[in-house]
Amino acid sequence: MIDPPDVTPAHIRQFIGHCYTGRLGTGNHALSVLREAFDIGLGQGLCDFNPASHVKRKKQPKRTRRLTDAEFKGIRQCVKKWASNRLVVILRARQAVQLFYSPTPVQVSV
């Protein structure tokens, strides 16, 4: 096990290399997590520099596939359902806050 101050960019590249065996996004995500972890370590005085910031992300190829009409319609339906459920929760929370702070009852319909 290596202490945070002893980690070098070469260590990060070696670790990330194992993550790139499948999809590029997996390795890039792991690199982002390491960068954030070392930034936190910097803030807490656990290390002197961020070795992950010296490692470049791998470029991902541009996507050529587009959503089909059926896929887009399915996403729209999910978003509508999600948004309407959240709106009810927001309105009920607003009503609860108004009832708590108001000297007179407040009517809010959902």
PDB file of N, CA and C in Angstrom:
ATOM      1  N   MET A   1       0.847  -1.179   0.000  1.00  0.00           N
ATOM      2  CA  MET A   1       0.000   0.000   0.000  1.00  0.00           C
ATOM      3  C   MET A   1       0.895   1.245   0.000  1.00  0.00           C
ATOM      4  N   ILE A   2       0.491   2.227  -0.782  1.00  0.00           N
ATOM      5  CA  ILE A   2       1.272   3.459  -0.921  1.00  0.00           C
ATOM      6  C   ILE A   2       0.554   4.584  -0.183  1.00  0.00           C
ATOM      7  N   ASP A   3       1.305   5.367   0.549  1.00  0.00           N
ATOM      8  CA  ASP A   3       0.729   6.537   1.216  1.00  0.00           C
ATOM      9  C   ASP A   3       0.442   7.611   0.167  1.00  0.00           C
ATOM     10  N   PRO A   4      -0.605   8.423   0.365  1.00  0.00           N
ATOM     11  CA  PRO A   4      -0.961   9.452  -0.626  1.00  0.00           C
ATOM     12  C   PRO A   4       0.193  10.345  -1.070  1.00  0.00           C
ATOM     13  N   PRO A   5       1.096  10.788  -0.181  1.00  0.00           N
ATOM     14  CA  PRO A   5       2.173  11.665  -0.655  1.00  0.00           C
ATOM     15  C   PRO A   5       3.163  10.961  -1.589  1.00  0.00           C
ATOM     16  N   ASP A   6       3.184   9.617  -1.546  1.00  0.00           N
ATOM     17  CA  ASP A   6       4.142   8.860  -2.358  1.00  0.00           C
ATOM     18  C   ASP A   6       3.602   8.458  -3.727  1.00  0.00           C
ATOM     19  N   VAL A   7       2.333   8.728  -3.995  1.00  0.00           N
ATOM     20  CA  VAL A   7       1.735   8.362  -5.280  1.00  0.00           C
ATOM     21  C   VAL A   7       2.242   9.304  -6.360  1.00  0.00           C
ATOM     22  N   THR A   8       2.620   8.731  -7.493  1.00  0.00           N
ATOM     23  CA  THR A   8       3.135   9.521  -8.616  1.00  0.00           C
ATOM     24  C   THR A   8       2.181   9.413  -9.801  1.00  0.00           C
ATOM     25  N   PRO A   9       2.322  10.280 -10.793  1.00  0.00           N
ATOM     26  CA  PRO A   9       1.508  10.147 -11.997  1.00  0.00           C
ATOM     27  C   PRO A   9       1.668   8.772 -12.660  1.00  0.00           C
ATOM     28  N   ALA A  10       2.859   8.176 -12.559  1.00  0.00           N
ATOM     29  CA  ALA A  10       3.070   6.842 -13.130  1.00  0.00           C
ATOM     30  C   ALA A  10       2.182   5.807 -12.447  1.00  0.00           C
ATOM     31  N   HIS A  11       2.009   5.924 -11.135  1.00  0.00           N
ATOM     32  CA  HIS A  11       1.110   5.021 -10.426  1.00  0.00           C
ATOM     33  C   HIS A  11      -0.325   5.184 -10.930  1.00  0.00           C
ATOM     34  N   ILE A  12      -0.731   6.429 -11.112  1.00  0.00           N
ATOM     35  CA  ILE A  12      -2.094   6.713 -11.595  1.00  0.00           C
ATOM     36  C   ILE A  12      -2.280   6.119 -12.988  1.00  0.00           C
ATOM     37  N   ARG A  13      -1.301   6.325 -13.889  1.00  0.00           N
ATOM     38  CA  ARG A  13      -1.397   5.779 -15.249  1.00  0.00           C
ATOM     39  C   ARG A  13      -1.491   4.253 -15.220  1.00  0.00           C
ATOM     40  N   GLN A  14      -0.724   3.634 -14.348  1.00  0.00           N
ATOM     41  CA  GLN A  14      -0.752   2.172 -14.252  1.00  0.00           C
ATOM     42  C   GLN A  14      -2.133   1.696 -13.789  1.00  0.00           C
ATOM     43  N   PHE A  15      -2.683   2.339 -12.784  1.00  0.00           N
ATOM     44  CA  PHE A  15      -4.005   1.961 -12.284  1.00  0.00           C
ATOM     45  C   PHE A  15      -5.074   2.193 -13.346  1.00  0.00           C
ATOM     46  N   ILE A  16      -5.045   3.362 -13.970  1.00  0.00           N
ATOM     47  CA  ILE A  16      -6.040   3.702 -14.982  1.00  0.00           C
ATOM     48  C   ILE A  16      -5.934   2.758 -16.178  1.00  0.00           C
ATOM     49  N   GLY A  17      -4.726   2.321 -16.494  1.00  0.00           N
ATOM     50  CA  GLY A  17      -4.534   1.377 -17.601  1.00  0.00           C
ATOM     51  C   GLY A  17      -5.356   0.116 -17.424  1.00  0.00           C
ATOM     52  N   HIS A  18      -5.511  -0.331 -16.192  1.00  0.00           N
ATOM     53  CA  HIS A  18      -6.330  -1.518 -15.926  1.00  0.00           C
ATOM     54  C   HIS A  18      -7.816  -1.215 -16.115  1.00  0.00           C
ATOM     55  N   CYS A  19      -8.205   0.026 -15.925  1.00  0.00           N
ATOM     56  CA  CYS A  19      -9.613   0.414 -16.061  1.00  0.00           C
ATOM     57  C   CYS A  19     -10.038   0.572 -17.517  1.00  0.00           C
ATOM     58  N   TYR A  20      -9.070   0.818 -18.415  1.00  0.00           N
ATOM     59  CA  TYR A  20      -9.395   1.044 -19.823  1.00  0.00           C
ATOM     60  C   TYR A  20      -9.564  -0.250 -20.609  1.00  0.00           C
ATOM     61  N   THR A  21      -9.608  -1.401 -19.953  1.00  0.00           N
ATOM     62  CA  THR A  21      -9.709  -2.659 -20.686  1.00  0.00           C
ATOM     63  C   THR A  21     -11.046  -2.800 -21.405  1.00  0.00           C
ATOM     64  N   GLY A  22     -12.099  -2.231 -20.850  1.00  0.00           N
ATOM     65  CA  GLY A  22     -13.421  -2.320 -21.469  1.00  0.00           C
ATOM     66  C   GLY A  22     -13.743  -1.075 -22.255  1.00  0.00           C
ATOM     67  N   ARG A  23     -14.494  -0.193 -21.638  1.00  0.00           N
ATOM     68  CA  ARG A  23     -14.904   1.052 -22.286  1.00  0.00           C
ATOM     69  C   ARG A  23     -14.008   2.199 -21.822  1.00  0.00           C
ATOM     70  N   LEU A  24     -13.782   3.155 -22.698  1.00  0.00           N
ATOM     71  CA  LEU A  24     -12.950   4.307 -22.356  1.00  0.00           C
ATOM     72  C   LEU A  24     -13.568   5.137 -21.235  1.00  0.00           C
ATOM     73  N   GLY A  25     -14.886   5.203 -21.217  1.00  0.00           N
ATOM     74  CA  GLY A  25     -15.573   5.992 -20.203  1.00  0.00           C
ATOM     75  C   GLY A  25     -15.284   5.511 -18.791  1.00  0.00           C
ATOM     76  N   THR A  26     -15.079   4.205 -18.626  1.00  0.00           N
ATOM     77  CA  THR A  26     -14.799   3.653 -17.303  1.00  0.00           C
ATOM     78  C   THR A  26     -13.467   4.179 -16.776  1.00  0.00           C
ATOM     79  N   GLY A  27     -12.438   4.146 -17.586  1.00  0.00           N
ATOM     80  CA  GLY A  27     -11.135   4.659 -17.183  1.00  0.00           C
ATOM     81  C   GLY A  27     -11.155   6.155 -16.949  1.00  0.00           C
ATOM     82  N   ASN A  28     -11.847   6.884 -17.807  1.00  0.00           N
ATOM     83  CA  ASN A  28     -11.942   8.331 -17.645  1.00  0.00           C
ATOM     84  C   ASN A  28     -12.700   8.688 -16.365  1.00  0.00           C
ATOM     85  N   HIS A  29     -13.729   7.910 -16.055  1.00  0.00           N
ATOM     86  CA  HIS A  29     -14.480   8.148 -14.825  1.00  0.00           C
ATOM     87  C   HIS A  29     -13.593   7.875 -13.600  1.00  0.00           C
ATOM     88  N   ALA A  30     -12.842   6.778 -13.641  1.00  0.00           N
ATOM     89  CA  ALA A  30     -11.928   6.450 -12.537  1.00  0.00           C
ATOM     90  C   ALA A  30     -10.899   7.569 -12.355  1.00  0.00           C
ATOM     91  N   LEU A  31     -10.406   8.116 -13.441  1.00  0.00           N
ATOM     92  CA  LEU A  31      -9.445   9.217 -13.366  1.00  0.00           C
ATOM     93  C   LEU A  31     -10.083  10.445 -12.717  1.00  0.00           C
ATOM     94  N   SER A  32     -11.316  10.737 -13.061  1.00  0.00           N
ATOM     95  CA  SER A  32     -12.022  11.870 -12.454  1.00  0.00           C
ATOM     96  C   SER A  32     -12.183  11.676 -10.952  1.00  0.00           C
ATOM     97  N   VAL A  33     -12.501  10.452 -10.545  1.00  0.00           N
ATOM     98  CA  VAL A  33     -12.660  10.159  -9.118  1.00  0.00           C
ATOM     99  C   VAL A  33     -11.329  10.338  -8.393  1.00  0.00           C
ATOM    100  N   LEU A  34     -10.248   9.850  -8.996  1.00  0.00           N
ATOM    101  CA  LEU A  34      -8.929  10.008  -8.381  1.00  0.00           C
ATOM    102  C   LEU A  34      -8.525  11.481  -8.280  1.00  0.00           C
ATOM    103  N   ARG A  35      -8.814  12.249  -9.319  1.00  0.00           N
ATOM    104  CA  ARG A  35      -8.494  13.684  -9.278  1.00  0.00           C
ATOM    105  C   ARG A  35      -9.223  14.351  -8.117  1.00  0.00           C
ATOM    106  N   GLU A  36     -10.497  14.030  -7.978  1.00  0.00           N
ATOM    107  CA  GLU A  36     -11.285  14.622  -6.899  1.00  0.00           C
ATOM    108  C   GLU A  36     -10.771  14.175  -5.536  1.00  0.00           C
ATOM    109  N   ALA A  37     -10.426  12.901  -5.396  1.00  0.00           N
ATOM    110  CA  ALA A  37      -9.921  12.381  -4.126  1.00  0.00           C
ATOM    111  C   ALA A  37      -8.615  13.076  -3.734  1.00  0.00           C
ATOM    112  N   PHE A  38      -7.724  13.248  -4.697  1.00  0.00           N
ATOM    113  CA  PHE A  38      -6.465  13.919  -4.388  1.00  0.00           C
ATOM    114  C   PHE A  38      -6.663  15.415  -4.136  1.00  0.00           C
ATOM    115  N   ASP A  39      -7.650  16.025  -4.775  1.00  0.00           N
ATOM    116  CA  ASP A  39      -7.961  17.427  -4.468  1.00  0.00           C
ATOM    117  C   ASP A  39      -8.418  17.561  -3.016  1.00  0.00           C
ATOM    118  N   ILE A  40      -9.221  16.614  -2.564  1.00  0.00           N
ATOM    119  CA  ILE A  40      -9.660  16.616  -1.163  1.00  0.00           C
ATOM    120  C   ILE A  40      -8.453  16.404  -0.255  1.00  0.00           C
ATOM    121  N   GLY A  41      -7.569  15.474  -0.637  1.00  0.00           N
ATOM    122  CA  GLY A  41      -6.352  15.234   0.132  1.00  0.00           C
ATOM    123  C   GLY A  41      -5.468  16.463   0.231  1.00  0.00           C
ATOM    124  N   LEU A  42      -5.392  17.215  -0.859  1.00  0.00           N
ATOM    125  CA  LEU A  42      -4.633  18.476  -0.844  1.00  0.00           C
ATOM    126  C   LEU A  42      -5.225  19.445   0.175  1.00  0.00           C
ATOM    127  N   GLY A  43      -6.547  19.546   0.140  1.00  0.00           N
ATOM    128  CA  GLY A  43      -7.221  20.455   1.054  1.00  0.00           C
ATOM    129  C   GLY A  43      -7.038  20.075   2.515  1.00  0.00           C
ATOM    130  N   GLN A  44      -6.881  18.785   2.769  1.00  0.00           N
ATOM    131  CA  GLN A  44      -6.718  18.317   4.145  1.00  0.00           C
ATOM    132  C   GLN A  44      -5.251  18.152   4.538  1.00  0.00           C
ATOM    133  N   GLY A  45      -4.351  18.488   3.635  1.00  0.00           N
ATOM    134  CA  GLY A  45      -2.926  18.427   3.939  1.00  0.00           C
ATOM    135  C   GLY A  45      -2.345  17.022   3.933  1.00  0.00           C
ATOM    136  N   LEU A  46      -3.020  16.083   3.257  1.00  0.00           N
ATOM    137  CA  LEU A  46      -2.532  14.703   3.204  1.00  0.00           C
ATOM    138  C   LEU A  46      -1.476  14.496   2.127  1.00  0.00           C
ATOM    139  N   CYS A  47      -1.404  15.419   1.161  1.00  0.00           N
ATOM    140  CA  CYS A  47      -0.405  15.314   0.093  1.00  0.00           C
ATOM    141  C   CYS A  47      -0.057  16.724  -0.381  1.00  0.00           C
ATOM    142  N   ASP A  48       1.061  16.805  -1.120  1.00  0.00           N
ATOM    143  CA  ASP A  48       1.552  18.116  -1.559  1.00  0.00           C
ATOM    144  C   ASP A  48       1.118  18.498  -2.970  1.00  0.00           C
ATOM    145  N   PHE A  49       0.763  17.500  -3.780  1.00  0.00           N
ATOM    146  CA  PHE A  49       0.299  17.786  -5.136  1.00  0.00           C
ATOM    147  C   PHE A  49      -0.659  16.689  -5.571  1.00  0.00           C
ATOM    148  N   ASN A  50      -1.364  16.935  -6.655  1.00  0.00           N
ATOM    149  CA  ASN A  50      -2.340  15.979  -7.173  1.00  0.00           C
ATOM    150  C   ASN A  50      -1.723  15.246  -8.357  1.00  0.00           C
ATOM    151  N   PRO A  51      -1.282  13.989  -8.172  1.00  0.00           N
ATOM    152  CA  PRO A  51      -0.655  13.260  -9.269  1.00  0.00           C
ATOM    153  C   PRO A  51      -1.633  12.922 -10.391  1.00  0.00           C
ATOM    154  N   ALA A  52      -2.914  12.843 -10.081  1.00  0.00           N
ATOM    155  CA  ALA A  52      -3.910  12.520 -11.101  1.00  0.00           C
ATOM    156  C   ALA A  52      -4.125  13.681 -12.066  1.00  0.00           C
ATOM    157  N   SER A  53      -3.806  14.895 -11.627  1.00  0.00           N
ATOM    158  CA  SER A  53      -3.994  16.051 -12.510  1.00  0.00           C
ATOM    159  C   SER A  53      -2.950  16.086 -13.627  1.00  0.00           C
ATOM    160  N   HIS A  54      -1.910  15.271 -13.513  1.00  0.00           N
ATOM    161  CA  HIS A  54      -0.862  15.215 -14.533  1.00  0.00           C
ATOM    162  C   HIS A  54      -1.086  14.087 -15.539  1.00  0.00           C
ATOM    163  N   VAL A  55      -2.248  13.419 -15.450  1.00  0.00           N
ATOM    164  CA  VAL A  55      -2.575  12.311 -16.352  1.00  0.00           C
ATOM    165  C   VAL A  55      -3.699  12.771 -17.269  1.00  0.00           C
ATOM    166  N   LYS A  56      -3.536  12.579 -18.564  1.00  0.00           N
ATOM    167  CA  LYS A  56      -4.532  13.007 -19.540  1.00  0.00           C
ATOM    168  C   LYS A  56      -5.601  11.932 -19.711  1.00  0.00           C
ATOM    169  N   ARG A  57      -6.805  12.411 -19.934  1.00  0.00           N
ATOM    170  CA  ARG A  57      -7.918  11.504 -20.238  1.00  0.00           C
ATOM    171  C   ARG A  57      -7.754  10.992 -21.663  1.00  0.00           C
ATOM    172  N   LYS A  58      -8.276   9.801 -21.921  1.00  0.00           N
ATOM    173  CA  LYS A  58      -8.266   9.291 -23.293  1.00  0.00           C
ATOM    174  C   LYS A  58      -9.470   9.853 -24.024  1.00  0.00           C
ATOM    175  N   LYS A  59      -9.248  10.223 -25.265  1.00  0.00           N
ATOM    176  CA  LYS A  59     -10.344  10.755 -26.069  1.00  0.00           C
ATOM    177  C   LYS A  59     -11.293   9.633 -26.450  1.00  0.00           C
ATOM    178  N   GLN A  60     -12.562   9.941 -26.332  1.00  0.00           N
ATOM    179  CA  GLN A  60     -13.575   8.988 -26.738  1.00  0.00           C
ATOM    180  C   GLN A  60     -14.039   9.336 -28.140  1.00  0.00           C
ATOM    181  N   PRO A  61     -14.313   8.325 -28.953  1.00  0.00           N
ATOM    182  CA  PRO A  61     -14.790   8.620 -30.304  1.00  0.00           C
ATOM    183  C   PRO A  61     -16.160   9.294 -30.245  1.00  0.00           C
ATOM    184  N   LYS A  62     -16.413  10.148 -31.221  1.00  0.00           N
ATOM    185  CA  LYS A  62     -17.711  10.807 -31.282  1.00  0.00           C
ATOM    186  C   LYS A  62     -18.794   9.772 -31.546  1.00  0.00           C
ATOM    187  N   ARG A  63     -19.923   9.995 -30.935  1.00  0.00           N
ATOM    188  CA  ARG A  63     -21.037   9.061 -31.111  1.00  0.00           C
ATOM    189  C   ARG A  63     -21.689   9.285 -32.474  1.00  0.00           C
ATOM    190  N   THR A  64     -21.962   8.203 -33.149  1.00  0.00           N
ATOM    191  CA  THR A  64     -22.606   8.309 -34.450  1.00  0.00           C
ATOM    192  C   THR A  64     -24.060   7.842 -34.381  1.00  0.00           C
ATOM    193  N   ARG A  65     -24.393   7.102 -33.354  1.00  0.00           N
ATOM    194  CA  ARG A  65     -25.746   6.593 -33.220  1.00  0.00           C
ATOM    195  C   ARG A  65     -26.648   7.669 -32.633  1.00  0.00           C
ATOM    196  N   ARG A  66     -27.852   7.764 -33.155  1.00  0.00           N
ATOM    197  CA  ARG A  66     -28.849   8.698 -32.641  1.00  0.00           C
ATOM    198  C   ARG A  66     -30.005   7.896 -32.043  1.00  0.00           C
ATOM    199  N   LEU A  67     -30.752   8.548 -31.165  1.00  0.00           N
ATOM    200  CA  LEU A  67     -31.920   7.889 -30.588  1.00  0.00           C
ATOM    201  C   LEU A  67     -32.983   7.668 -31.655  1.00  0.00           C
ATOM    202  N   THR A  68     -33.653   6.529 -31.560  1.00  0.00           N
ATOM    203  CA  THR A  68     -34.785   6.284 -32.449  1.00  0.00           C
ATOM    204  C   THR A  68     -35.984   7.055 -31.905  1.00  0.00           C
ATOM    205  N   ASP A  69     -37.018   7.184 -32.713  1.00  0.00           N
ATOM    206  CA  ASP A  69     -38.224   7.879 -32.259  1.00  0.00           C
ATOM    207  C   ASP A  69     -38.834   7.171 -31.052  1.00  0.00           C
ATOM    208  N   ALA A  70     -38.825   5.838 -31.053  1.00  0.00           N
ATOM    209  CA  ALA A  70     -39.395   5.077 -29.942  1.00  0.00           C
ATOM    210  C   ALA A  70     -38.590   5.302 -28.657  1.00  0.00           C
ATOM    211  N   GLU A  71     -37.261   5.345 -28.757  1.00  0.00           N
ATOM    212  CA  GLU A  71     -36.418   5.592 -27.577  1.00  0.00           C
ATOM    213  C   GLU A  71     -36.658   7.002 -27.028  1.00  0.00           C
ATOM    214  N   PHE A  72     -36.749   7.975 -27.930  1.00  0.00           N
ATOM    215  CA  PHE A  72     -36.975   9.353 -27.512  1.00  0.00           C
ATOM    216  C   PHE A  72     -38.339   9.488 -26.834  1.00  0.00           C
ATOM    217  N   LYS A  73     -39.347   8.824 -27.398  1.00  0.00           N
ATOM    218  CA  LYS A  73     -40.680   8.866 -26.815  1.00  0.00           C
ATOM    219  C   LYS A  73     -40.677   8.246 -25.421  1.00  0.00           C
ATOM    220  N   GLY A  74     -39.953   7.147 -25.242  1.00  0.00           N
ATOM    221  CA  GLY A  74     -39.859   6.498 -23.935  1.00  0.00           C
ATOM    222  C   GLY A  74     -39.197   7.398 -22.903  1.00  0.00           C
ATOM    223  N   ILE A  75     -38.163   8.098 -23.310  1.00  0.00           N
ATOM    224  CA  ILE A  75     -37.474   9.026 -22.399  1.00  0.00           C
ATOM    225  C   ILE A  75     -38.412  10.169 -22.009  1.00  0.00           C
ATOM    226  N   ARG A  76     -39.137  10.699 -22.977  1.00  0.00           N
ATOM    227  CA  ARG A  76     -40.081  11.789 -22.687  1.00  0.00           C
ATOM    228  C   ARG A  76     -41.137  11.358 -21.685  1.00  0.00           C
ATOM    229  N   GLN A  77     -41.645  10.126 -21.847  1.00  0.00           N
ATOM    230  CA  GLN A  77     -42.658   9.635 -20.918  1.00  0.00           C
ATOM    231  C   GLN A  77     -42.096   9.494 -19.506  1.00  0.00           C
ATOM    232  N   CYS A  78     -40.876   9.000 -19.398  1.00  0.00           N
ATOM    233  CA  CYS A  78     -40.240   8.862 -18.076  1.00  0.00           C
ATOM    234  C   CYS A  78     -40.034  10.221 -17.425  1.00  0.00           C
ATOM    235  N   VAL A  79     -39.585  11.196 -18.207  1.00  0.00           N
ATOM    236  CA  VAL A  79     -39.339  12.537 -17.671  1.00  0.00           C
ATOM    237  C   VAL A  79     -40.648  13.176 -17.226  1.00  0.00           C
ATOM    238  N   LYS A  80     -41.702  13.012 -18.014  1.00  0.00           N
ATOM    239  CA  LYS A  80     -42.997  13.588 -17.637  1.00  0.00           C
ATOM    240  C   LYS A  80     -43.474  13.001 -16.313  1.00  0.00           C
ATOM    241  N   LYS A  81     -43.363  11.691 -16.170  1.00  0.00           N
ATOM    242  CA  LYS A  81     -43.805  11.031 -14.940  1.00  0.00           C
ATOM    243  C   LYS A  81     -42.950  11.495 -13.763  1.00  0.00           C
ATOM    244  N   TRP A  82     -41.631  11.548 -13.961  1.00  0.00           N
ATOM    245  CA  TRP A  82     -40.714  11.980 -12.906  1.00  0.00           C
ATOM    246  C   TRP A  82     -41.010  13.412 -12.494  1.00  0.00           C
ATOM    247  N   ALA A  83     -41.168  14.284 -13.480  1.00  0.00           N
ATOM    248  CA  ALA A  83     -41.386  15.699 -13.199  1.00  0.00           C
ATOM    249  C   ALA A  83     -42.716  15.927 -12.488  1.00  0.00           C
ATOM    250  N   SER A  84     -43.763  15.233 -12.894  1.00  0.00           N
ATOM    251  CA  SER A  84     -45.058  15.451 -12.249  1.00  0.00           C
ATOM    252  C   SER A  84     -45.028  14.954 -10.812  1.00  0.00           C
ATOM    253  N   ASN A  85     -44.361  13.841 -10.542  1.00  0.00           N
ATOM    254  CA  ASN A  85     -44.240  13.351  -9.161  1.00  0.00           C
ATOM    255  C   ASN A  85     -43.470  14.344  -8.309  1.00  0.00           C
ATOM    256  N   ARG A  86     -42.401  14.928  -8.836  1.00  0.00           N
ATOM    257  CA  ARG A  86     -41.598  15.886  -8.087  1.00  0.00           C
ATOM    258  C   ARG A  86     -42.377  17.172  -7.833  1.00  0.00           C
ATOM    259  N   LEU A  87     -43.205  17.574  -8.789  1.00  0.00           N
ATOM    260  CA  LEU A  87     -43.988  18.787  -8.619  1.00  0.00           C
ATOM    261  C   LEU A  87     -44.973  18.634  -7.472  1.00  0.00           C
ATOM    262  N   VAL A  88     -45.607  17.477  -7.362  1.00  0.00           N
ATOM    263  CA  VAL A  88     -46.542  17.228  -6.258  1.00  0.00           C
ATOM    264  C   VAL A  88     -45.809  17.325  -4.922  1.00  0.00           C
ATOM    265  N   VAL A  89     -44.634  16.725  -4.837  1.00  0.00           N
ATOM    266  CA  VAL A  89     -43.849  16.775  -3.594  1.00  0.00           C
ATOM    267  C   VAL A  89     -43.478  18.212  -3.257  1.00  0.00           C
ATOM    268  N   ILE A  90     -43.053  18.980  -4.249  1.00  0.00           N
ATOM    269  CA  ILE A  90     -42.667  20.374  -4.030  1.00  0.00           C
ATOM    270  C   ILE A  90     -43.859  21.197  -3.551  1.00  0.00           C
ATOM    271  N   LEU A  91     -45.012  21.011  -4.187  1.00  0.00           N
ATOM    272  CA  LEU A  91     -46.197  21.773  -3.791  1.00  0.00           C
ATOM    273  C   LEU A  91     -46.645  21.410  -2.384  1.00  0.00           C
ATOM    274  N   ARG A  92     -46.579  20.139  -2.031  1.00  0.00           N
ATOM    275  CA  ARG A  92     -46.974  19.719  -0.681  1.00  0.00           C
ATOM    276  C   ARG A  92     -45.985  20.245   0.355  1.00  0.00           C
ATOM    277  N   ALA A  93     -44.708  20.265   0.032  1.00  0.00           N
ATOM    278  CA  ALA A  93     -43.721  20.811   0.961  1.00  0.00           C
ATOM    279  C   ALA A  93     -43.945  22.307   1.153  1.00  0.00           C
ATOM    280  N   ARG A  94     -44.264  22.980   0.054  1.00  0.00           N
ATOM    281  CA  ARG A  94     -44.544  24.418   0.141  1.00  0.00           C
ATOM    282  C   ARG A  94     -45.756  24.674   1.025  1.00  0.00           C
ATOM    283  N   GLN A  95     -46.788  23.829   0.869  1.00  0.00           N
ATOM    284  CA  GLN A  95     -47.988  23.972   1.675  1.00  0.00           C
ATOM    285  C   GLN A  95     -47.660  23.751   3.155  1.00  0.00           C
ATOM    286  N   ALA A  96     -46.841  22.755   3.462  1.00  0.00           N
ATOM    287  CA  ALA A  96     -46.473  22.477   4.846  1.00  0.00           C
ATOM    288  C   ALA A  96     -45.711  23.648   5.454  1.00  0.00           C
ATOM    289  N   VAL A  97     -44.796  24.241   4.685  1.00  0.00           N
ATOM    290  CA  VAL A  97     -44.026  25.385   5.174  1.00  0.00           C
ATOM    291  C   VAL A  97     -44.951  26.572   5.412  1.00  0.00           C
ATOM    292  N   GLN A  98     -45.878  26.806   4.492  1.00  0.00           N
ATOM    293  CA  GLN A  98     -46.808  27.927   4.650  1.00  0.00           C
ATOM    294  C   GLN A  98     -47.705  27.720   5.867  1.00  0.00           C
ATOM    295  N   LEU A  99     -48.172  26.502   6.073  1.00  0.00           N
ATOM    296  CA  LEU A  99     -49.023  26.223   7.229  1.00  0.00           C
ATOM    297  C   LEU A  99     -48.252  26.423   8.531  1.00  0.00           C
ATOM    298  N   PHE A 100     -46.993  26.051   8.528  1.00  0.00           N
ATOM    299  CA  PHE A 100     -46.177  26.169   9.739  1.00  0.00           C
ATOM    300  C   PHE A 100     -45.908  27.624  10.089  1.00  0.00           C
ATOM    301  N   TYR A 101     -45.627  28.458   9.098  1.00  0.00           N
ATOM    302  CA  TYR A 101     -45.231  29.842   9.354  1.00  0.00           C
ATOM    303  C   TYR A 101     -46.384  30.842   9.267  1.00  0.00           C
ATOM    304  N   SER A 102     -47.517  30.435   8.773  1.00  0.00           N
ATOM    305  CA  SER A 102     -48.622  31.366   8.596  1.00  0.00           C
ATOM    306  C   SER A 102     -49.522  31.383   9.842  1.00  0.00           C
ATOM    307  N   PRO A 103     -49.911  32.591  10.277  1.00  0.00           N
ATOM    308  CA  PRO A 103     -50.825  32.657  11.432  1.00  0.00           C
ATOM    309  C   PRO A 103     -52.237  32.203  11.068  1.00  0.00           C
ATOM    310  N   THR A 104     -52.590  32.309   9.772  1.00  0.00           N
ATOM    311  CA  THR A 104     -53.903  31.851   9.333  1.00  0.00           C
ATOM    312  C   THR A 104     -53.727  30.704   8.360  1.00  0.00           C
ATOM    313  N   PRO A 105     -54.666  29.750   8.334  1.00  0.00           N
ATOM    314  CA  PRO A 105     -54.550  28.611   7.415  1.00  0.00           C
ATOM    315  C   PRO A 105     -54.477  29.046   5.952  1.00  0.00           C
ATOM    316  N   VAL A 106     -53.676  28.363   5.201  1.00  0.00           N
ATOM    317  CA  VAL A 106     -53.482  28.645   3.783  1.00  0.00           C
ATOM    318  C   VAL A 106     -53.941  27.438   2.988  1.00  0.00           C
ATOM    319  N   GLN A 107     -54.740  27.647   1.953  1.00  0.00           N
ATOM    320  CA  GLN A 107     -55.222  26.558   1.111  1.00  0.00           C
ATOM    321  C   GLN A 107     -54.385  26.478  -0.160  1.00  0.00           C
ATOM    322  N   VAL A 108     -53.759  25.338  -0.377  1.00  0.00           N
ATOM    323  CA  VAL A 108     -52.990  25.086  -1.611  1.00  0.00           C
ATOM    324  C   VAL A 108     -53.490  23.774  -2.160  1.00  0.00           C
ATOM    325  N   SER A 109     -53.999  23.793  -3.371  1.00  0.00           N
ATOM    326  CA  SER A 109     -54.498  22.547  -3.964  1.00  0.00           C
ATOM    327  C   SER A 109     -53.456  21.950  -4.909  1.00  0.00           C
ATOM    328  N   VAL A 110     -53.477  20.626  -4.970  1.00  0.00           N
ATOM    329  CA  VAL A 110     -52.532  19.918  -5.827  1.00  0.00           C
ATOM    330  C   VAL A 110     -53.309  19.234  -6.926  1.00  0.00           C
TER     331      VAL A 110
END
